[in-house]
Amino acid sequence: MSKHKFLMFMIGVLAAALFALSPGDALSQAKGNKDASNEQGTKQVTKGNVTRDDVARYLGKVPPSEQAAAAKRNRELGLLPGVAGQNAQTPSSGATR
């Protein structure tokens, strides 16, 4: 039984040392500006008419107007939308297996 008591004593000593040497706010959230992760400041409240672009920017997504502009640029470059522009892999005949 003495090994068990010694082991529990050592665990307690290690836990106390860890607690004593850790900074006081080690388990708290990082300090700083709450909008630091959102550098563009998209969480601004707009007054008046709210558009789909405003909602998308508020949610941190790409606004529909920018999506339409990107699609137009891609059409002008001759790119096909979605997976239509990707090369399809030819199906295996199974003869090589």
C-alpha atoms as a PDB file:
ATOM      1  CA  MET A   1       0.000   0.000   0.000  1.00  0.00           C
ATOM      2  CA  SER A   2       2.949   2.318   0.467  1.00  0.00           C
ATOM      3  CA  LYS A   3       3.682   2.355  -3.282  1.00  0.00           C
ATOM      4  CA  HIS A   4       0.133   3.507  -3.931  1.00  0.00           C
ATOM      5  CA  LYS A   5       0.401   6.316  -1.370  1.00  0.00           C
ATOM      6  CA  PHE A   6       3.765   7.401  -2.758  1.00  0.00           C
ATOM      7  CA  LEU A   7       2.389   7.452  -6.304  1.00  0.00           C
ATOM      8  CA  MET A   8      -0.610   9.543  -5.247  1.00  0.00           C
ATOM      9  CA  PHE A   9       1.707  11.882  -3.342  1.00  0.00           C
ATOM     10  CA  MET A  10       3.930  12.369  -6.425  1.00  0.00           C
ATOM     11  CA  ILE A  11       0.902  13.039  -8.650  1.00  0.00           C
ATOM     12  CA  GLY A  12      -0.247  15.666  -6.156  1.00  0.00           C
ATOM     13  CA  VAL A  13       3.201  17.284  -6.037  1.00  0.00           C
ATOM     14  CA  LEU A  14       3.417  17.391  -9.827  1.00  0.00           C
ATOM     15  CA  ALA A  15      -0.074  18.850 -10.109  1.00  0.00           C
ATOM     16  CA  ALA A  16       0.714  21.509  -7.520  1.00  0.00           C
ATOM     17  CA  ALA A  17       3.966  22.406  -9.273  1.00  0.00           C
ATOM     18  CA  LEU A  18       2.227  22.632 -12.625  1.00  0.00           C
ATOM     19  CA  PHE A  19      -0.487  24.854 -11.160  1.00  0.00           C
ATOM     20  CA  ALA A  20       2.023  27.074  -9.383  1.00  0.00           C
ATOM     21  CA  LEU A  21       4.264  27.550 -12.423  1.00  0.00           C
ATOM     22  CA  SER A  22       1.512  28.183 -14.961  1.00  0.00           C
ATOM     23  CA  PRO A  23       0.408  31.745 -15.715  1.00  0.00           C
ATOM     24  CA  GLY A  24      -2.875  32.786 -14.161  1.00  0.00           C
ATOM     25  CA  ASP A  25      -4.731  33.166 -17.450  1.00  0.00           C
ATOM     26  CA  ALA A  26      -3.374  30.084 -19.208  1.00  0.00           C
ATOM     27  CA  LEU A  27      -6.787  28.480 -19.557  1.00  0.00           C
ATOM     28  CA  SER A  28      -8.647  31.642 -20.484  1.00  0.00           C
ATOM     29  CA  GLN A  29      -9.313  32.828 -24.014  1.00  0.00           C
ATOM     30  CA  ALA A  30      -6.717  34.796 -25.907  1.00  0.00           C
ATOM     31  CA  LYS A  31      -6.748  38.471 -25.119  1.00  0.00           C
ATOM     32  CA  GLY A  32      -7.154  41.037 -27.836  1.00  0.00           C
ATOM     33  CA  ASN A  33      -9.724  42.560 -30.097  1.00  0.00           C
ATOM     34  CA  LYS A  34     -12.747  40.332 -30.586  1.00  0.00           C
ATOM     35  CA  ASP A  35     -12.808  41.272 -34.264  1.00  0.00           C
ATOM     36  CA  ALA A  36      -9.098  40.545 -34.731  1.00  0.00           C
ATOM     37  CA  SER A  37      -9.883  37.398 -36.709  1.00  0.00           C
ATOM     38  CA  ASN A  38     -12.199  39.439 -38.896  1.00  0.00           C
ATOM     39  CA  GLU A  39      -9.766  42.007 -40.272  1.00  0.00           C
ATOM     40  CA  GLN A  40     -12.157  43.491 -42.821  1.00  0.00           C
ATOM     41  CA  GLY A  41     -14.678  44.471 -40.170  1.00  0.00           C
ATOM     42  CA  THR A  42     -17.602  42.797 -41.875  1.00  0.00           C
ATOM     43  CA  LYS A  43     -19.657  42.774 -38.678  1.00  0.00           C
ATOM     44  CA  GLN A  44     -20.779  46.363 -39.148  1.00  0.00           C
ATOM     45  CA  VAL A  45     -24.483  46.977 -38.751  1.00  0.00           C
ATOM     46  CA  THR A  46     -26.074  48.752 -41.698  1.00  0.00           C
ATOM     47  CA  LYS A  47     -29.183  50.841 -41.388  1.00  0.00           C
ATOM     48  CA  GLY A  48     -31.861  51.072 -44.027  1.00  0.00           C
ATOM     49  CA  ASN A  49     -32.251  48.559 -46.836  1.00  0.00           C
ATOM     50  CA  VAL A  50     -30.224  45.390 -46.377  1.00  0.00           C
ATOM     51  CA  THR A  51     -29.100  43.655 -49.566  1.00  0.00           C
ATOM     52  CA  ARG A  52     -27.967  40.092 -50.158  1.00  0.00           C
ATOM     53  CA  ASP A  53     -24.437  41.444 -50.500  1.00  0.00           C
ATOM     54  CA  ASP A  54     -24.689  43.019 -47.028  1.00  0.00           C
ATOM     55  CA  VAL A  55     -25.858  39.737 -45.534  1.00  0.00           C
ATOM     56  CA  ALA A  56     -23.082  37.778 -47.241  1.00  0.00           C
ATOM     57  CA  ARG A  57     -20.436  40.239 -46.041  1.00  0.00           C
ATOM     58  CA  TYR A  58     -21.885  40.142 -42.520  1.00  0.00           C
ATOM     59  CA  LEU A  59     -21.578  36.348 -42.518  1.00  0.00           C
ATOM     60  CA  GLY A  60     -18.040  36.503 -43.903  1.00  0.00           C
ATOM     61  CA  LYS A  61     -18.964  34.971 -47.262  1.00  0.00           C
ATOM     62  CA  VAL A  62     -18.342  36.065 -50.850  1.00  0.00           C
ATOM     63  CA  PRO A  63     -21.152  38.401 -51.947  1.00  0.00           C
ATOM     64  CA  PRO A  64     -23.277  37.385 -54.971  1.00  0.00           C
ATOM     65  CA  SER A  65     -22.133  40.456 -56.921  1.00  0.00           C
ATOM     66  CA  GLU A  66     -18.501  39.345 -56.624  1.00  0.00           C
ATOM     67  CA  GLN A  67     -19.471  35.770 -57.581  1.00  0.00           C
ATOM     68  CA  ALA A  68     -21.215  37.070 -60.720  1.00  0.00           C
ATOM     69  CA  ALA A  69     -18.203  39.224 -61.616  1.00  0.00           C
ATOM     70  CA  ALA A  70     -15.867  36.232 -61.199  1.00  0.00           C
ATOM     71  CA  ALA A  71     -18.124  34.068 -63.375  1.00  0.00           C
ATOM     72  CA  LYS A  72     -18.139  36.766 -66.063  1.00  0.00           C
ATOM     73  CA  ARG A  73     -14.328  37.007 -65.992  1.00  0.00           C
ATOM     74  CA  ASN A  74     -14.052  33.227 -66.286  1.00  0.00           C
ATOM     75  CA  ARG A  75     -16.451  33.140 -69.255  1.00  0.00           C
ATOM     76  CA  GLU A  76     -14.354  35.810 -70.966  1.00  0.00           C
ATOM     77  CA  LEU A  77     -11.265  33.657 -70.391  1.00  0.00           C
ATOM     78  CA  GLY A  78     -13.051  30.661 -71.913  1.00  0.00           C
ATOM     79  CA  LEU A  79     -13.290  28.629 -68.724  1.00  0.00           C
ATOM     80  CA  LEU A  80     -16.258  26.348 -68.176  1.00  0.00           C
ATOM     81  CA  PRO A  81     -18.208  26.495 -64.900  1.00  0.00           C
ATOM     82  CA  GLY A  82     -17.922  23.825 -62.237  1.00  0.00           C
ATOM     83  CA  VAL A  83     -16.635  20.361 -63.085  1.00  0.00           C
ATOM     84  CA  ALA A  84     -17.415  20.818 -66.788  1.00  0.00           C
ATOM     85  CA  GLY A  85     -13.980  22.364 -67.270  1.00  0.00           C
ATOM     86  CA  GLN A  86     -12.127  19.425 -65.713  1.00  0.00           C
ATOM     87  CA  ASN A  87     -10.782  16.562 -67.758  1.00  0.00           C
ATOM     88  CA  ALA A  88     -12.666  13.360 -67.137  1.00  0.00           C
ATOM     89  CA  GLN A  89     -10.687  10.239 -66.395  1.00  0.00           C
ATOM     90  CA  THR A  90     -11.207   7.550 -69.006  1.00  0.00           C
ATOM     91  CA  PRO A  91     -12.921   4.533 -67.515  1.00  0.00           C
ATOM     92  CA  SER A  92     -10.842   1.421 -67.086  1.00  0.00           C
ATOM     93  CA  SER A  93     -11.829  -1.557 -69.204  1.00  0.00           C
ATOM     94  CA  GLY A  94     -10.780  -3.908 -66.438  1.00  0.00           C
ATOM     95  CA  ALA A  95      -8.453  -5.840 -68.770  1.00  0.00           C
ATOM     96  CA  THR A  96      -5.343  -4.852 -66.826  1.00  0.00           C
ATOM     97  CA  ARG A  97      -6.564  -6.327 -63.570  1.00  0.00           C
END
